[in-house]
Amino acid sequence: MSNPDHGEPTTPEEPTTGWAPEPFLPEWNFFAAAAGPELRERIIDDIRALADFLEEHPRLPISPYTSVDVSYFPRTESDQVALAEVAEAGARMGRIPAWERDHYLVEHTQGAGRYRVVAIPARVRARYRSWLTYTGHVRPD
């Protein structure tokens, strides 16, 4: 399926904007928690090496439900900064961020592979930490 306005491939799961805006807040240092260039290169090399290994060992089973996820979570106490990082990643990918339950995210999928940038608001993280305090401590009679 292609977008007649822009000639870009699109899928319902990955709408493209056809528009590349300026960074949301250019004065901010986006992606401060991202891996540096050397670590990023090593991670990408590791992913390729894993694919090569599996290709070289065709008798090893792979589940039909296999997926490969690469995720980036903004590490900041500011919801505004975290949401802005998702928006900036969306602009760089030409994708529209969206809310998925309590998470704000943007993603690119390629077959069984997926790259996503996910912001989890502070209220959601606090609710999860609160829930963890009960785990294993409250048991029904």
Protein backbone atom coordinates (compact mmCIF):
# COMPACT_ATOMS: atom_id res chain seq x y z
CA MET A 1 0.00 0.00 0.00
CA SER A 2 1.39 3.44 -0.75
CA ASN A 3 0.46 6.95 0.17
CA PRO A 4 -0.67 8.67 -3.05
CA ASP A 5 0.24 12.09 -1.70
CA HIS A 6 3.85 11.21 -0.99
CA GLY A 7 4.59 7.92 -2.74
CA GLU A 8 5.84 6.47 0.53
CA PRO A 9 4.97 2.93 1.63
CA THR A 10 2.49 2.89 4.48
CA THR A 11 0.69 0.34 6.58
CA PRO A 12 -2.20 0.90 8.97
CA GLU A 13 0.14 0.12 11.89
CA GLU A 14 2.78 2.60 10.75
CA PRO A 15 1.31 5.76 9.32
CA THR A 16 3.82 8.13 7.82
CA THR A 17 3.43 11.84 8.12
CA GLY A 18 5.04 12.87 4.83
CA TRP A 19 6.21 15.88 6.80
CA ALA A 20 9.48 16.45 8.60
CA PRO A 21 9.01 19.14 11.27
CA GLU A 22 11.74 20.93 13.10
CA PRO A 23 12.68 19.36 16.45
CA PHE A 24 9.92 19.85 19.03
CA LEU A 25 12.08 21.85 21.41
CA PRO A 26 15.46 22.29 19.72
CA GLU A 27 17.16 23.73 22.80
CA TRP A 28 16.70 20.46 24.70
CA ASN A 29 19.33 17.75 24.65
CA PHE A 30 17.27 14.93 23.19
CA PHE A 31 18.07 11.29 23.84
CA ALA A 32 20.48 11.92 26.71
CA ALA A 33 20.01 8.30 27.86
CA ALA A 34 20.87 6.85 24.44
CA ALA A 35 23.86 4.59 23.90
CA GLY A 36 26.93 6.42 22.68
CA PRO A 37 28.25 5.82 19.13
CA GLU A 38 30.57 2.95 20.09
CA LEU A 39 27.97 1.10 22.17
CA ARG A 40 25.30 1.72 19.53
CA GLU A 41 27.58 0.22 16.89
CA ARG A 42 28.31 -2.79 19.12
CA ILE A 43 24.60 -3.41 19.75
CA ILE A 44 23.82 -3.27 16.03
CA ASP A 45 26.77 -5.60 15.33
CA ASP A 46 25.45 -7.99 18.00
CA ILE A 47 22.01 -8.05 16.34
CA ARG A 48 23.63 -8.81 12.98
CA ALA A 49 25.82 -11.51 14.55
CA LEU A 50 22.76 -13.15 16.10
CA ALA A 51 21.02 -13.16 12.71
CA ASP A 52 24.16 -14.62 11.09
CA PHE A 53 24.36 -17.31 13.79
CA LEU A 54 20.75 -18.34 13.24
CA GLU A 55 21.25 -18.37 9.49
CA GLU A 56 24.37 -20.55 9.86
CA HIS A 57 22.46 -23.02 12.07
CA PRO A 58 19.27 -23.74 10.14
CA ARG A 59 18.49 -26.80 12.26
CA LEU A 60 18.01 -24.66 15.38
CA PRO A 61 14.31 -24.05 15.95
CA ILE A 62 12.80 -20.59 15.89
CA SER A 63 9.27 -20.10 17.18
CA PRO A 64 6.73 -18.86 14.65
CA TYR A 65 5.89 -16.22 17.28
CA THR A 66 9.46 -14.87 17.52
CA SER A 67 9.90 -11.14 17.61
CA VAL A 68 12.94 -8.93 17.99
CA ASP A 69 12.38 -5.70 19.88
CA VAL A 70 14.78 -2.79 20.19
CA SER A 71 13.44 -0.17 22.57
CA TYR A 72 14.52 3.20 23.90
CA PHE A 73 12.95 4.58 27.08
CA PRO A 74 13.69 8.23 27.91
CA ARG A 75 15.33 8.41 31.34
CA THR A 76 14.09 11.64 32.80
CA GLU A 77 11.90 12.74 35.68
CA SER A 78 10.09 15.18 33.38
CA ASP A 79 7.06 13.85 31.54
CA GLN A 80 7.34 16.82 29.18
CA VAL A 81 10.89 15.86 28.18
CA ALA A 82 9.98 12.17 27.81
CA LEU A 83 6.96 12.93 25.60
CA ALA A 84 9.05 15.37 23.58
CA GLU A 85 11.67 12.68 22.97
CA VAL A 86 8.98 10.36 21.60
CA ALA A 87 7.69 13.17 19.38
CA GLU A 88 11.22 13.93 18.17
CA ALA A 89 11.87 10.26 17.40
CA GLY A 90 8.58 10.19 15.51
CA ALA A 91 9.63 13.20 13.46
CA ARG A 92 12.97 11.57 12.65
CA MET A 93 11.21 8.35 11.57
CA GLY A 94 8.37 10.10 9.77
CA ARG A 95 5.89 8.35 12.08
CA ILE A 96 3.08 9.64 14.24
CA PRO A 97 3.40 8.87 17.98
CA ALA A 98 0.32 7.54 19.76
CA TRP A 99 -0.90 6.48 23.19
CA GLU A 100 -1.00 2.74 23.77
CA ARG A 101 -2.83 2.39 27.07
CA ASP A 102 -0.65 4.39 29.50
CA HIS A 103 2.44 4.53 27.27
CA TYR A 104 3.21 7.17 24.65
CA LEU A 105 5.19 5.62 21.83
CA VAL A 106 6.29 5.62 18.26
CA GLU A 107 7.55 2.57 16.42
CA HIS A 108 8.87 1.17 13.18
CA THR A 109 8.25 -2.48 12.37
CA GLN A 110 10.07 -4.60 9.85
CA GLY A 111 8.58 -8.08 9.69
CA ALA A 112 9.24 -9.71 13.07
CA GLY A 113 11.46 -6.81 14.14
CA ARG A 114 10.37 -3.67 15.91
CA TYR A 115 12.11 -0.47 17.01
CA ARG A 116 10.20 1.70 19.45
CA VAL A 117 10.64 4.76 21.61
CA VAL A 118 8.39 4.61 24.67
CA ALA A 119 7.61 7.22 27.33
CA ILE A 120 5.95 6.08 30.55
CA PRO A 121 4.52 9.03 32.51
CA ALA A 122 5.54 9.49 36.15
CA ARG A 123 2.01 8.71 37.44
CA VAL A 124 2.08 5.35 35.64
CA ARG A 125 5.56 4.51 36.98
CA ALA A 126 4.42 5.46 40.51
CA ARG A 127 1.31 3.28 40.23
CA TYR A 128 3.47 0.36 39.08
CA ARG A 129 5.95 0.83 41.95
CA SER A 130 3.01 0.90 44.36
CA TRP A 131 1.63 -2.31 42.89
CA LEU A 132 5.05 -3.95 43.31
CA THR A 133 4.95 -3.33 47.06
CA TYR A 134 1.97 -5.68 47.28
CA THR A 135 3.40 -8.40 45.10
CA GLY A 136 4.15 -11.45 47.22
CA HIS A 137 2.93 -9.74 50.40
CA VAL A 138 -0.83 -9.89 50.03
CA ARG A 139 -2.24 -13.38 49.70
CA PRO A 140 -5.88 -14.38 49.62
CA ASP A 141 -6.97 -16.66 52.47
